[in-house]
Protein backbone atom coordinates (compact mmCIF):
# COMPACT_ATOMS: atom_id res chain seq x y z
CA MET A 1 -0.01 0.08 0.04
CA GLU A 2 2.70 2.44 0.77
CA ILE A 3 4.56 1.13 -2.67
CA ALA A 4 1.29 2.26 -4.49
CA ALA A 5 0.95 5.58 -2.70
CA LEU A 6 4.18 6.29 -3.47
CA ILE A 7 3.78 5.18 -7.06
CA LEU A 8 0.85 7.28 -7.68
CA GLY A 9 1.96 10.32 -6.31
CA ILE A 10 4.61 10.41 -8.72
CA VAL A 11 2.48 9.74 -11.62
CA ALA A 12 0.03 12.50 -10.33
CA ILE A 13 2.55 15.26 -9.77
CA LEU A 14 4.12 14.41 -13.53
CA LEU A 15 0.55 14.46 -15.34
CA ALA A 16 -0.25 17.07 -13.36
CA TRP A 17 1.48 19.94 -15.25
CA ILE A 18 -0.06 19.13 -18.41
CA PRO A 19 -2.37 21.85 -19.67
CA GLY A 20 -6.21 21.08 -20.18
CA CYS A 21 -6.69 17.78 -19.08
CA GLY A 22 -3.68 17.55 -16.37
CA ILE A 23 -6.90 17.60 -13.80
CA VAL A 24 -8.08 14.71 -14.35
CA LEU A 25 -5.04 12.39 -15.54
CA GLY A 26 -3.48 13.76 -12.05
CA GLY A 27 -6.62 14.03 -9.79
CA ILE A 28 -7.20 10.75 -9.86
CA PRO A 29 -3.63 9.07 -9.22
CA ALA A 30 -3.03 11.87 -6.76
CA LEU A 31 -6.94 11.61 -4.72
CA VAL A 32 -6.41 7.34 -4.69
CA GLY A 33 -2.52 7.88 -3.46
CA LEU A 34 -3.95 10.48 -0.86
CA ILE A 35 -5.88 7.40 0.53
CA LEU A 36 -3.73 4.84 0.25
CA ALA A 37 -0.90 6.83 1.96
CA ILE A 38 -3.31 8.32 4.67
CA ILE A 39 -4.19 4.16 5.45
CA ALA A 40 -0.29 3.37 5.48
CA LEU A 41 0.35 5.80 8.13
CA VAL A 42 -3.35 5.64 10.00
CA LYS A 43 -2.59 1.49 10.36
CA LYS A 44 1.26 2.57 10.97
CA LYS A 45 2.54 0.02 8.12
CA PRO A 46 6.41 -0.33 8.43
CA LYS A 47 7.05 1.16 5.07
CA LYS A 48 6.74 4.60 6.74
CA LYS A 49 8.26 7.00 4.66
CA GLN A 50 7.56 5.79 1.22
CA ALA A 51 3.89 6.62 2.56
CA ILE A 52 4.80 9.89 3.77
CA ILE A 53 6.66 10.20 0.35
CA GLY A 54 3.14 9.41 -1.64
CA LEU A 55 1.28 12.03 1.04
CA VAL A 56 3.31 14.49 0.05
CA LEU A 57 3.74 13.89 -3.78
CA SER A 58 0.01 13.55 -3.69
CA ILE A 59 -1.00 17.24 -2.04
CA LEU A 60 1.69 18.34 -4.44
CA SER A 61 0.32 17.48 -7.18
CA PHE A 62 -3.66 19.50 -6.12
CA VAL A 63 -1.31 22.12 -5.81
CA VAL A 64 -0.21 21.81 -9.20
CA MET A 65 -3.51 21.31 -11.20
CA ILE A 66 -4.85 24.56 -8.91
CA VAL A 67 -2.26 26.69 -10.22
CA ALA A 68 -2.85 25.44 -13.71
CA ILE A 69 -6.52 25.80 -13.34
CA ILE A 70 -5.83 29.54 -11.63
CA ILE A 71 -2.30 31.06 -12.79
CA ILE A 72 -2.22 29.32 -16.96
CA PRO A 73 -5.95 30.99 -17.76
CA LEU A 74 -4.54 33.49 -16.14
CA ILE A 75 -1.25 33.95 -17.98
CA MET A 76 -3.12 33.02 -21.84
CA GLY A 77 -5.99 35.69 -20.67
CA VAL A 78 -3.42 38.36 -19.97
CA ASN A 79 -1.80 37.20 -23.57
CA THR A 80 -5.03 37.40 -24.96
CA TYR A 81 -6.17 40.27 -24.15
CA ASN A 82 -2.90 42.05 -25.12
CA LYS A 83 -3.00 40.81 -28.28
CA ALA A 84 -6.39 41.78 -28.48
CA LYS A 85 -5.31 45.69 -27.34
CA ASN A 86 -2.84 45.66 -29.96
CA VAL A 87 -5.38 44.51 -33.26
CA ILE A 88 -7.27 47.94 -31.39
CA ASP A 89 -4.65 49.85 -31.12
CA ASP A 90 -3.78 49.08 -34.60
CA ALA A 91 -6.98 49.67 -35.93
CA SER A 92 -7.61 52.75 -33.95
CA SER A 93 -4.08 53.81 -35.62
CA THR A 94 -5.11 52.92 -39.05
CA MET A 95 -8.47 54.67 -38.43
CA GLU A 96 -6.33 58.12 -36.89
CA GLU A 97 -4.48 57.97 -40.61
CA ILE A 98 -7.53 56.93 -42.98
CA GLU A 99 -8.98 60.11 -40.66
CA SER A 100 -6.10 62.41 -41.27
CA GLN A 101 -6.08 61.76 -45.64
CA MET A 102 -9.91 62.75 -45.61
CA SER A 103 -9.41 65.91 -43.34
CA SER A 104 -6.86 66.77 -45.83
CA GLN A 105 -8.78 65.70 -48.87
CA GLU A 106 -11.56 67.97 -47.18
CA LEU A 107 -9.24 70.64 -46.88
CA GLN A 108 -7.97 70.86 -50.41
CA SER A 109 -11.52 70.59 -51.76
CA TYR A 110 -12.66 73.54 -49.54
CA ASN A 111 -9.70 75.70 -50.71
CA ALA A 112 -10.06 74.89 -54.33
CA LYS A 113 -12.95 76.33 -54.47
CA PHE A 114 -11.78 79.70 -54.06
CA GLU A 115 -8.37 79.37 -55.35
CA ALA A 116 -9.01 78.68 -58.77
CA TYR A 117 -10.26 82.25 -58.65
CA GLY A 118 -6.89 83.57 -57.02
CA GLY A 119 -4.05 85.46 -58.72
CA ALA A 120 -3.41 88.14 -60.36
CA ASN A 121 -5.38 89.93 -64.16
CA VAL A 122 -8.11 87.90 -62.88
CA SER A 123 -11.18 89.22 -65.60
CA GLY A 124 -14.03 91.85 -63.71
CA THR A 125 -16.23 88.35 -64.67
CA ARG A 126 -14.29 85.72 -63.07
CA VAL A 127 -13.76 88.34 -59.81
CA ARG A 128 -18.42 88.54 -60.24
CA LEU A 129 -18.36 84.47 -60.13
CA LEU A 130 -16.53 84.79 -56.95
CA CYS A 131 -18.09 87.10 -55.24
CA ASP A 132 -21.49 84.60 -56.45
CA LEU A 133 -19.17 81.46 -55.04
CA VAL A 134 -18.35 83.55 -51.15
CA ALA A 135 -22.62 84.45 -50.74
CA SER A 136 -23.97 81.08 -52.11
CA HIS A 137 -21.16 79.14 -49.21
CA ASN A 138 -21.37 81.84 -46.21
CA ARG A 139 -25.07 81.10 -46.51
CA ASP A 140 -25.08 77.03 -46.84
CA ASN A 141 -21.87 77.43 -43.79
CA ASP A 142 -21.82 78.12 -40.00
CA ILE A 143 -20.15 81.28 -38.91
CA ASP A 144 -17.04 79.46 -38.28
CA LYS A 145 -16.64 78.41 -41.77
CA GLN A 146 -17.81 82.13 -42.99
CA VAL A 147 -15.55 83.94 -45.82
CA GLU A 148 -14.82 87.27 -45.81
CA VAL A 149 -14.95 89.75 -48.90
CA VAL A 150 -12.38 92.72 -48.41
CA ILE A 151 -11.11 95.11 -51.14
CA GLY A 152 -7.28 95.22 -50.81
CA LYS A 153 -5.39 92.48 -49.94
CA ALA A 154 -6.11 89.21 -47.74
CA LYS A 155 -4.06 89.08 -44.67
CA ASP A 156 -3.70 85.44 -42.87
CA THR A 157 -6.15 85.33 -39.87
CA SER A 158 -7.07 83.04 -36.54
CA ALA A 159 -10.58 81.53 -36.46
CA ASP A 160 -11.16 82.64 -33.36
CA THR A 161 -9.79 86.70 -33.59
CA PHE A 162 -11.27 86.59 -36.57
CA THR A 163 -14.58 88.95 -37.98
CA ARG A 164 -16.38 88.35 -40.50
CA LEU A 165 -18.37 90.09 -42.79
CA GLN A 166 -22.17 89.35 -43.78
CA THR A 167 -23.28 87.18 -46.71
CA SER A 168 -24.24 90.32 -47.86
CA SER A 169 -20.19 91.83 -48.23
CA ALA A 170 -20.04 89.59 -51.33
CA THR A 171 -22.80 90.81 -53.07
CA ASN A 172 -22.15 94.11 -52.10
CA ALA A 173 -18.74 94.12 -53.49
CA LYS A 174 -19.81 92.51 -56.71
CA THR A 175 -21.50 95.18 -58.10
CA THR A 176 -18.50 97.65 -57.63
CA ILE A 177 -16.63 95.09 -59.80
CA LYS A 178 -16.45 96.02 -63.21
CA SER A 179 -16.50 93.06 -66.29
CA ALA A 180 -14.27 94.68 -68.19
CA SER A 181 -11.84 95.41 -65.94
CA LYS A 182 -8.40 93.56 -64.26
CA TYR A 183 -8.71 92.52 -60.63
CA THR A 184 -5.91 90.26 -58.29
CA VAL A 185 -7.42 88.03 -56.32
CA THR A 186 -5.88 86.86 -53.24
CA LEU A 187 -6.29 84.81 -50.44
CA GLY A 188 -6.42 84.43 -46.25
CA TYR A 189 -5.74 81.81 -44.49
CA ASP A 190 -6.56 80.19 -40.90
CA PRO A 191 -2.77 79.73 -39.78
CA ASP A 192 -4.67 76.95 -36.67
CA THR A 193 -7.14 74.87 -39.57
CA GLY A 194 -5.97 75.81 -43.11
CA TYR A 195 -8.76 76.77 -44.41
CA VAL A 196 -9.62 80.07 -46.63
CA THR A 197 -10.87 82.75 -44.33
CA GLN A 198 -10.65 86.27 -46.19
CA ILE A 199 -10.79 87.04 -49.86
CA GLY A 200 -9.10 90.18 -51.22
CA ILE A 201 -10.30 91.94 -54.33
CA GLN A 202 -7.67 94.80 -55.55
CA GLY A 203 -8.17 96.23 -59.57
CA ASN A 204 -5.18 96.71 -60.87
CA GLU A 205 -5.48 100.33 -61.65
CA GLN A 206 -6.16 100.59 -57.68
CA GLU A 207 -2.80 99.17 -56.83
CA GLU A 208 -0.59 101.01 -59.61
CA SER A 209 -2.50 103.93 -58.53
CA GLU A 210 -1.04 102.86 -55.23
CA ASN A 211 2.61 102.63 -56.51
CA GLU A 212 2.67 105.65 -58.40
CA VAL A 213 1.49 107.57 -54.98
CA GLU A 214 4.39 105.79 -53.06
CA ASN A 215 6.51 106.49 -55.89
CA ASN A 216 5.65 110.31 -55.86
CA VAL A 217 6.16 110.33 -52.05
CA GLU A 218 9.77 109.03 -52.54
CA ASN A 219 10.71 111.19 -54.58
CA GLY A 220 9.08 114.06 -53.82
CA THR A 221 11.10 113.25 -50.11
CA THR A 222 14.46 112.87 -52.70
CA ASN A 223 13.74 116.08 -54.29
CA ASN A 224 12.83 118.18 -51.05
CA THR A 225 16.70 116.50 -49.86
CA ILE A 226 18.44 117.82 -52.75
CA GLU A 227 16.57 121.16 -52.85
CA ASN A 228 17.63 121.76 -49.16
CA GLY A 229 20.95 121.13 -49.38
CA THR A 230 20.97 123.29 -52.28
CA THR A 231 19.59 126.17 -50.24
CA ASN A 232 22.11 125.10 -47.67
CA GLU A 233 24.73 125.85 -50.35
CA ILE A 234 23.68 129.20 -51.60
CA ASN A 235 23.06 130.23 -47.68
CA ASN A 236 27.15 128.84 -46.80
CA ASN A 237 28.46 131.04 -49.96
CA THR A 238 26.69 134.01 -49.31
CA ASN A 239 28.19 133.88 -46.00
CA SER A 240 31.48 133.45 -47.17
CA THR A 241 31.24 136.08 -49.56
CA ASN A 242 30.01 138.83 -46.66
CA THR A 243 32.71 137.88 -45.06
CA VAL A 244 35.95 138.58 -47.69
CA LEU A 245 33.98 142.00 -48.03
CA ASN A 246 34.27 142.32 -44.14
CA ASN A 247 38.00 141.85 -43.97
CA ALA A 248 38.37 144.05 -47.45
CA ILE A 249 36.71 146.90 -46.01
């Protein structure tokens, strides 16, 4: 009986480590070996050491099976969780990339409809069409996507501090545009979002006139400098002549 308890304890401890079926294959020998070892110890059989070893091995088998039942599934669950988390993270990263690409495409599409009218020497007819486009755009969009039309050069302006004109501004600007004239159309962008927020319309004649005024101002300043220099030189010469005459007298 002591030898049987020892053998069953050894078999049980070996089978208890098998994942999944260890509790069945190792549980039965461990239980039988435990019972035989207890009986041998109670009856005080001569081979008491073998019965004690069989008892210990049977108990260890149950401990191993408990560990296998709790720890191994826990480890497998953690691994499964990590794999699932990696899959979810990869999917989230992919979705973010797709959303970023869609956002970039949306931005390009949004700006392209205004950028098509930008540039120098734009005909008045196209500028009037641009004013109609802006008026229609402002009617169909919320305040955060309104576009301002200004007479002059557009500037990049932040959306949160940007005071936009009403839809009628584009309509009013259209009434000042002459179909036969040429204009320079500039675009202003929101530095935070990249969206077009302002459109500047400047007549080429107006720009030339402004440049001419600037040139005249510069030329006037230069002429004044020359005149002042000439006057000072004449005064100096007069003073020198008066000094010579006084010395001669």
